[in-house]
Amino acid sequence: MTTTAPPPAPTPAVATPPPSPSARFRVPGAFLLGAVLLFGVAPLVLSDFRISLLAKYLCYAIVAVGVSLAWGRGGLLVLGQGVFFGLGGYAMAMHLKLADAAAAGETLPDFMLLYGSGDALPWWWRPFANPVFALAATVLLPMAVAALLGYFVFRRRVRGAYFAILSQALAAALSIWLVGQQTTTGGTNGLTDIRGFFGYDLSDPVNQRTVYFVVAGVLLLLMAAARQLFVSRYGELLVAVRDAEERVRFLGYDPAAVKLVAYVVAAGTAGLAGALFVPAVGIISPALIGIVPSIGFVIGAAVGGRASLVGAVLGAVAVAWAQSSLSDAFPAAWTYLQGLLFVVAVGFLPGGLASVVTALRARRTRTAPAPAPTKGETA
């Protein structure tokens, strides 16, 4: 007579501990702190000039939001964001120049009268007299260009350094083209001396502060939307494409479509940043959208931490501040320092400064003493 061993007792399920209250409120608390600093503290302690500078830096931070999505999550080294920044900026500047000309009783912008471009407005300028068209074009035009370029690039599985070089070439081509169109785009000078913003005088400090509040509000909204995208199913799929593209393809997904969405969204955020940059600074020119500015957008995200949304934003603001401060004191050395920052961040600190904070937090968690056993538990 054979006996069978009794089946093993089922292993009790280990309940997942609920998130701590501090972790649950960490993200809302961070957004609340950012809102307090941007809308409460900064306007009280900064002068009008510093507020205008901060608005400029926050425009760069908006670009960093898209860079964090495309590069940090998707692994796309977008070295041509200056193209989309410029498209959004020129679309906004063209409308504002036409509005300034209409307020002065002219049919042409001042630079066209100066350069003698004729008596008729170029046909491709005319739709930008409509504010709705101009506002839509600041975002939709960069997204359309990115969608067209990304479709062919990603379908052909161009990636890595080849994609970075291609995006840089696009930035150089647009900058060169704008320089050559002096009678219609202002040439090297760009579109300058923008005086109004939808009926508001930009020389008034109150209106300048209003522009700052608009820029800060847009930045916080985009950060909230990007954070939701990061933790969504698409965000997880984007990270999977970055880390194991072939495996994702074998599972039935289309990596090209996944990367295309990230690239197009990043282009839209850059275009919106360029549109807000124009009233904040009062100028848009080829010097602001070429290869060097495009690299600067990426350096800010790399220094702060491209995979961290907050790190990328803070890094973009810090690098922009350093550029404004150090380039005046050391104009010949800043370009080399900017390149050194990029090499150090990518080569020796891939996660940026945000990775240092994460490592310190993890180390503190590992070294924390274990909780004492409660009554009834065995030691």
Foldseek 3Di string as FASTA:
>chain_A
DDDDDDDDDDDDDDDDDDDDPCVVCVVVVVLVVLCCCQVPVPVVPDDLVVLLLLLLLLLLLLLLLLLLLQCVQQVAPQLQLLVLLQQLQLLLLLLLQCVVQVVVVHRDGPQLVVVVVDRDADPVSVVSVDVVVSVCRLQVVLLVVLLVVLVVCVVVPPGDPRSNVVSQVVQAVVLVVLLVPCNRQVHQQGRFDRQDDPNHGLVDSVVLSVLSVVSSVVSSVSLVVSVVCCPDPLVVVSNCCNVPVVVSVVVPDDNSVSSSVSRSVSSSSSSVSSSSSCSSPGGDGSVCRHSVVSLLSVLQCLQQFSNDSVRSSVSSSVSSVCCVPVCVVPVPCVSVVSVVSSCCSVPPNRGHPVVVVVVVVVVCVVPDDDDDDDPPDDD
